[in-house]
Amino acid sequence: MSSKIYITGHTGFIGQHLSKMLRTAVVGVNLRESDEVLLDPADALVHLAGKAHDVKKVSAPQEYFAGNTDLTKTVFDHFLASEASVFVFMSSIKSACTKAVLAASFYNVKFF
């Protein structure tokens, strides 16, 4: 079986460059229409999707929570139910704020 790597956020800055580097092994996952991650047998899931930048300052804090914390929990649950053996999570949310953000909500996820 050839390697298959699913990438959420494959159209973002990091996702585009990672996809280019990994070439044919990449399967892009579009979470803009649904948070369902249907994984065929794969080696890895790289989760890059999330809400990171609000240059117009119009987004409510709940939008960030839903687009980052809730979405990551959902994606990770799909990973746990799959046969993939590697989960990589990267977030650039810290780049959008000046104060340290505590991710206390992640401590409720079942892998801790």
C-alpha atoms as a PDB file:
ATOM      1  CA  MET A   1       0.000   0.000   0.000  1.00  0.00           C
ATOM      2  CA  SER A   2       1.345   3.431  -0.868  1.00  0.00           C
ATOM      3  CA  SER A   3       1.521   6.144   1.777  1.00  0.00           C
ATOM      4  CA  LYS A   4      -1.502   8.384   2.168  1.00  0.00           C
ATOM      5  CA  ILE A   5      -1.508  11.523   4.298  1.00  0.00           C
ATOM      6  CA  TYR A   6      -4.691  13.475   4.921  1.00  0.00           C
ATOM      7  CA  ILE A   7      -4.236  17.215   5.473  1.00  0.00           C
ATOM      8  CA  THR A   8      -6.889  19.580   6.816  1.00  0.00           C
ATOM      9  CA  GLY A   9      -6.120  23.176   5.932  1.00  0.00           C
ATOM     10  CA  HIS A  10      -4.338  22.084   2.768  1.00  0.00           C
ATOM     11  CA  THR A  11      -5.284  25.355   1.035  1.00  0.00           C
ATOM     12  CA  GLY A  12      -3.679  27.548   3.714  1.00  0.00           C
ATOM     13  CA  PHE A  13      -0.116  28.836   3.729  1.00  0.00           C
ATOM     14  CA  ILE A  14       1.481  25.913   5.569  1.00  0.00           C
ATOM     15  CA  GLY A  15      -0.832  23.349   3.977  1.00  0.00           C
ATOM     16  CA  GLN A  16       0.048  24.417   0.432  1.00  0.00           C
ATOM     17  CA  HIS A  17       3.775  24.149   1.092  1.00  0.00           C
ATOM     18  CA  LEU A  18       3.476  20.852   2.960  1.00  0.00           C
ATOM     19  CA  SER A  19       1.311  19.405   0.187  1.00  0.00           C
ATOM     20  CA  LYS A  20       3.895  20.412  -2.419  1.00  0.00           C
ATOM     21  CA  MET A  21       6.656  18.786  -0.408  1.00  0.00           C
ATOM     22  CA  LEU A  22       4.752  15.527   0.175  1.00  0.00           C
ATOM     23  CA  ARG A  23       3.391  15.455  -3.402  1.00  0.00           C
ATOM     24  CA  THR A  24       1.243  12.467  -4.337  1.00  0.00           C
ATOM     25  CA  ALA A  25       0.808  11.109  -0.829  1.00  0.00           C
ATOM     26  CA  VAL A  26      -1.479  14.038   0.100  1.00  0.00           C
ATOM     27  CA  VAL A  27      -5.259  13.911   0.243  1.00  0.00           C
ATOM     28  CA  GLY A  28      -6.729  17.330   1.028  1.00  0.00           C
ATOM     29  CA  VAL A  29      -9.641  17.468   3.471  1.00  0.00           C
ATOM     30  CA  ASN A  30     -12.036  20.414   3.063  1.00  0.00           C
ATOM     31  CA  LEU A  31     -13.632  21.288   6.415  1.00  0.00           C
ATOM     32  CA  ARG A  32     -15.332  24.492   5.223  1.00  0.00           C
ATOM     33  CA  GLU A  33     -18.438  22.572   4.176  1.00  0.00           C
ATOM     34  CA  SER A  34     -18.483  19.857   6.845  1.00  0.00           C
ATOM     35  CA  ASP A  35     -16.440  18.792   9.857  1.00  0.00           C
ATOM     36  CA  GLU A  36     -16.747  15.146   8.806  1.00  0.00           C
ATOM     37  CA  VAL A  37     -13.349  13.624   8.161  1.00  0.00           C
ATOM     38  CA  LEU A  38     -13.827  10.402   6.233  1.00  0.00           C
ATOM     39  CA  LEU A  39     -10.509   8.600   6.316  1.00  0.00           C
ATOM     40  CA  ASP A  40      -9.764   5.689   4.071  1.00  0.00           C
ATOM     41  CA  PRO A  41      -6.832   3.655   5.320  1.00  0.00           C
ATOM     42  CA  ALA A  42      -4.034   6.190   5.717  1.00  0.00           C
ATOM     43  CA  ASP A  43      -0.709   6.587   7.449  1.00  0.00           C
ATOM     44  CA  ALA A  44      -1.271  10.018   8.943  1.00  0.00           C
ATOM     45  CA  LEU A  45      -3.610  12.935   9.517  1.00  0.00           C
ATOM     46  CA  VAL A  46      -2.111  16.427   9.638  1.00  0.00           C
ATOM     47  CA  HIS A  47      -4.539  18.963  11.113  1.00  0.00           C
ATOM     48  CA  LEU A  48      -3.765  22.530  10.047  1.00  0.00           C
ATOM     49  CA  ALA A  49      -7.296  23.935   9.638  1.00  0.00           C
ATOM     50  CA  GLY A  50      -8.648  26.563  11.987  1.00  0.00           C
ATOM     51  CA  LYS A  51      -9.592  30.195  12.395  1.00  0.00           C
ATOM     52  CA  ALA A  52      -6.410  32.182  12.822  1.00  0.00           C
ATOM     53  CA  HIS A  53      -6.752  35.743  11.599  1.00  0.00           C
ATOM     54  CA  ASP A  54      -9.402  38.416  11.994  1.00  0.00           C
ATOM     55  CA  VAL A  55      -7.810  41.541  10.562  1.00  0.00           C
ATOM     56  CA  LYS A  56     -11.162  43.384  10.560  1.00  0.00           C
ATOM     57  CA  LYS A  57     -11.819  42.519  14.249  1.00  0.00           C
ATOM     58  CA  VAL A  58     -15.366  41.289  13.565  1.00  0.00           C
ATOM     59  CA  SER A  59     -15.226  37.705  14.861  1.00  0.00           C
ATOM     60  CA  ALA A  60     -16.673  36.749  18.232  1.00  0.00           C
ATOM     61  CA  PRO A  61     -14.549  34.676  20.649  1.00  0.00           C
ATOM     62  CA  GLN A  62     -16.984  31.761  20.207  1.00  0.00           C
ATOM     63  CA  GLU A  63     -16.105  31.623  16.489  1.00  0.00           C
ATOM     64  CA  TYR A  64     -12.458  31.065  17.410  1.00  0.00           C
ATOM     65  CA  PHE A  65     -13.396  28.407  19.954  1.00  0.00           C
ATOM     66  CA  ALA A  66     -15.623  26.565  17.464  1.00  0.00           C
ATOM     67  CA  GLY A  67     -13.147  26.903  14.601  1.00  0.00           C
ATOM     68  CA  ASN A  68     -10.160  25.786  16.625  1.00  0.00           C
ATOM     69  CA  THR A  69     -10.882  23.894  19.853  1.00  0.00           C
ATOM     70  CA  ASP A  70     -14.142  22.178  18.879  1.00  0.00           C
ATOM     71  CA  LEU A  71     -12.955  21.439  15.354  1.00  0.00           C
ATOM     72  CA  THR A  72      -9.660  19.964  16.583  1.00  0.00           C
ATOM     73  CA  LYS A  73     -11.472  17.700  19.045  1.00  0.00           C
ATOM     74  CA  THR A  74     -13.769  16.480  16.258  1.00  0.00           C
ATOM     75  CA  VAL A  75     -10.887  15.868  13.851  1.00  0.00           C
ATOM     76  CA  PHE A  76      -8.931  14.016  16.551  1.00  0.00           C
ATOM     77  CA  ASP A  77     -11.941  11.801  17.328  1.00  0.00           C
ATOM     78  CA  HIS A  78     -12.106  10.881  13.628  1.00  0.00           C
ATOM     79  CA  PHE A  79      -8.394  10.091  13.740  1.00  0.00           C
ATOM     80  CA  LEU A  80      -8.858   7.798  16.758  1.00  0.00           C
ATOM     81  CA  ALA A  81     -11.604   5.921  14.911  1.00  0.00           C
ATOM     82  CA  SER A  82      -9.408   5.498  11.831  1.00  0.00           C
ATOM     83  CA  GLU A  83      -6.505   3.181  11.074  1.00  0.00           C
ATOM     84  CA  ALA A  84      -4.040   6.073  10.755  1.00  0.00           C
ATOM     85  CA  SER A  85      -1.148   5.857  13.198  1.00  0.00           C
ATOM     86  CA  VAL A  86       0.162   9.450  13.197  1.00  0.00           C
ATOM     87  CA  PHE A  87      -1.681  12.662  14.137  1.00  0.00           C
ATOM     88  CA  VAL A  88       0.056  16.014  13.679  1.00  0.00           C
ATOM     89  CA  PHE A  89      -1.583  19.217  14.905  1.00  0.00           C
ATOM     90  CA  MET A  90      -0.252  22.697  14.178  1.00  0.00           C
ATOM     91  CA  SER A  91      -1.901  26.012  14.940  1.00  0.00           C
ATOM     92  CA  SER A  92      -0.958  29.574  14.115  1.00  0.00           C
ATOM     93  CA  ILE A  93      -3.619  31.079  16.416  1.00  0.00           C
ATOM     94  CA  LYS A  94      -0.916  32.465  18.712  1.00  0.00           C
ATOM     95  CA  SER A  95       0.304  34.629  15.852  1.00  0.00           C
ATOM     96  CA  ALA A  96      -2.991  36.534  15.930  1.00  0.00           C
ATOM     97  CA  CYS A  97      -2.877  37.615  19.581  1.00  0.00           C
ATOM     98  CA  THR A  98      -0.469  39.346  21.909  1.00  0.00           C
ATOM     99  CA  LYS A  99      -1.285  37.570  25.192  1.00  0.00           C
ATOM    100  CA  ALA A 100      -0.607  33.939  25.954  1.00  0.00           C
ATOM    101  CA  VAL A 101      -3.661  31.814  25.297  1.00  0.00           C
ATOM    102  CA  LEU A 102      -4.255  28.861  27.590  1.00  0.00           C
ATOM    103  CA  ALA A 103      -5.680  25.808  25.869  1.00  0.00           C
ATOM    104  CA  ALA A 104      -7.258  24.436  29.039  1.00  0.00           C
ATOM    105  CA  SER A 105     -10.171  22.992  27.074  1.00  0.00           C
ATOM    106  CA  PHE A 106      -7.793  20.514  25.405  1.00  0.00           C
ATOM    107  CA  TYR A 107      -7.221  18.834  28.760  1.00  0.00           C
ATOM    108  CA  ASN A 108     -10.719  17.374  28.491  1.00  0.00           C
ATOM    109  CA  VAL A 109      -9.898  15.504  25.298  1.00  0.00           C
ATOM    110  CA  LYS A 110      -9.649  11.749  25.794  1.00  0.00           C
ATOM    111  CA  PHE A 111      -5.948  11.405  24.940  1.00  0.00           C
ATOM    112  CA  PHE A 112      -4.805  13.183  28.142  1.00  0.00           C
END
